[in-house]
Amino acid sequence: MDKAHNRPQRTREGEWYFQRDEWVRALDKRIDLPIMARFVGGYIAMHINRIDREMWHQQATMAKELGLSAQSVKMAIRALVKAELVVVEKGRRGVRKRAVNRYRINAPWFL
């Protein structure tokens, strides 16, 4: 019996969340990356907006919510970018003079 035949159809949104979770599972297996990079990568993935496929939290916010230093978050993001797992679009300074970067998961189905 074909098991794929018995699988329920996913909605478009359900498929998006499934693929995001698969990316997180693959990230968890990347033992070549520092544990902090995997931790921060999971945070970024779980906070990505499904509509525009971006996450735009400040690094200071990520650090606070994860219980890390801002420097640890910066180093983790650098490792994720170097591994081509995350794309960072540098933000412009807004009214409050704070630049907010935009983060995207680098996966074919996210582009």
Protein backbone atom coordinates (compact mmCIF):
# COMPACT_ATOMS: atom_id res chain seq x y z
CA MET A 1 0.00 0.00 0.00
CA ASP A 2 1.26 3.45 -0.87
CA LYS A 3 1.83 5.40 2.37
CA ALA A 4 1.89 8.74 0.56
CA HIS A 5 -1.63 8.03 -0.62
CA ASN A 6 -2.86 7.87 2.98
CA ARG A 7 -1.18 11.13 4.04
CA PRO A 8 -3.66 13.97 4.48
CA GLN A 9 -3.24 16.89 2.13
CA ARG A 10 -1.61 19.93 3.71
CA THR A 11 -2.90 23.41 3.18
CA ARG A 12 -0.53 25.92 1.65
CA GLU A 13 0.10 27.34 5.13
CA GLY A 14 0.56 23.89 6.60
CA GLU A 15 3.15 23.07 3.94
CA TRP A 16 5.02 26.29 4.73
CA TYR A 17 5.24 25.39 8.44
CA PHE A 18 6.22 21.82 7.61
CA GLN A 19 9.09 23.01 5.39
CA ARG A 20 10.24 25.53 8.00
CA ASP A 21 10.30 22.80 10.62
CA GLU A 22 12.27 20.54 8.26
CA TRP A 23 14.85 23.36 7.92
CA VAL A 24 15.11 23.55 11.72
CA ARG A 25 15.56 19.77 11.95
CA ALA A 26 18.32 19.90 9.32
CA LEU A 27 19.96 22.79 11.19
CA ASP A 28 19.96 20.78 14.41
CA LYS A 29 22.01 18.09 12.65
CA ARG A 30 24.70 20.53 11.49
CA ILE A 31 27.37 19.55 14.01
CA ASP A 32 29.88 21.60 12.01
CA LEU A 33 28.18 24.75 13.34
CA PRO A 34 28.62 26.15 16.85
CA ILE A 35 25.72 25.28 19.15
CA MET A 36 24.89 28.99 19.53
CA ALA A 37 24.48 29.31 15.75
CA ARG A 38 22.02 26.42 15.75
CA PHE A 39 20.19 27.93 18.72
CA VAL A 40 19.91 31.39 17.12
CA GLY A 41 19.02 29.85 13.74
CA GLY A 42 16.12 28.02 15.36
CA TYR A 43 14.96 31.27 16.97
CA ILE A 44 15.09 33.09 13.63
CA ALA A 45 13.15 30.30 11.91
CA MET A 46 10.45 30.21 14.57
CA HIS A 47 9.93 33.98 14.35
CA ILE A 48 9.81 34.28 10.56
CA ASN A 49 6.65 35.87 9.24
CA ARG A 50 4.91 33.45 6.89
CA ILE A 51 3.65 36.24 4.63
CA ASP A 52 6.88 38.12 3.85
CA ARG A 53 9.20 35.28 4.93
CA GLU A 54 11.36 37.59 7.02
CA MET A 55 12.19 38.08 10.66
CA TRP A 56 13.20 41.54 11.78
CA HIS A 57 13.94 41.41 15.51
CA GLN A 58 16.89 43.45 16.68
CA GLN A 59 19.94 41.50 17.79
CA ALA A 60 19.56 43.01 21.27
CA THR A 61 16.00 41.65 21.42
CA MET A 62 17.15 38.21 20.29
CA ALA A 63 19.91 38.25 22.90
CA LYS A 64 17.50 39.21 25.67
CA GLU A 65 14.89 36.63 24.73
CA LEU A 66 17.49 33.87 24.34
CA GLY A 67 19.46 34.76 27.47
CA LEU A 68 22.62 35.42 25.45
CA SER A 69 24.94 38.35 25.04
CA ALA A 70 24.51 40.56 21.98
CA GLN A 71 28.03 39.54 20.93
CA SER A 72 27.05 35.84 21.03
CA VAL A 73 24.04 36.55 18.79
CA LYS A 74 26.24 38.48 16.33
CA MET A 75 28.77 35.65 16.17
CA ALA A 76 26.00 33.08 15.69
CA ILE A 77 24.42 35.06 12.85
CA ARG A 78 27.84 35.46 11.24
CA ALA A 79 28.27 31.65 11.33
CA LEU A 80 24.80 31.11 9.82
CA VAL A 81 25.52 33.58 7.02
CA LYS A 82 28.92 31.99 6.34
CA ALA A 83 27.23 28.57 6.11
CA GLU A 84 24.70 30.14 3.70
CA LEU A 85 21.78 29.12 5.91
CA VAL A 86 20.53 32.63 6.65
CA VAL A 87 20.45 35.75 4.48
CA VAL A 88 20.73 39.13 6.20
CA GLU A 89 19.48 42.32 4.62
CA LYS A 90 20.98 45.29 6.43
CA GLY A 91 18.35 47.71 7.61
CA ARG A 92 18.33 51.48 7.53
CA ARG A 93 18.15 53.54 10.66
CA GLY A 94 14.61 54.62 11.41
CA VAL A 95 13.04 57.30 13.53
CA ARG A 96 14.60 55.96 16.72
CA LYS A 97 18.03 55.81 15.07
CA ARG A 98 18.06 52.02 15.35
CA ALA A 99 18.88 49.82 12.39
CA VAL A 100 16.85 46.65 12.15
CA ASN A 101 18.16 43.89 9.91
CA ARG A 102 15.87 41.50 8.10
CA TYR A 103 16.65 37.80 8.29
CA ARG A 104 15.52 35.09 5.86
CA ILE A 105 16.10 31.37 5.85
CA ASN A 106 18.18 30.41 2.84
CA ALA A 107 16.29 27.44 1.45
CA PRO A 108 14.96 26.94 -2.10
CA TRP A 109 11.32 26.84 -0.98
CA PHE A 110 11.74 30.09 1.02
CA LEU A 111 13.03 32.18 -1.86
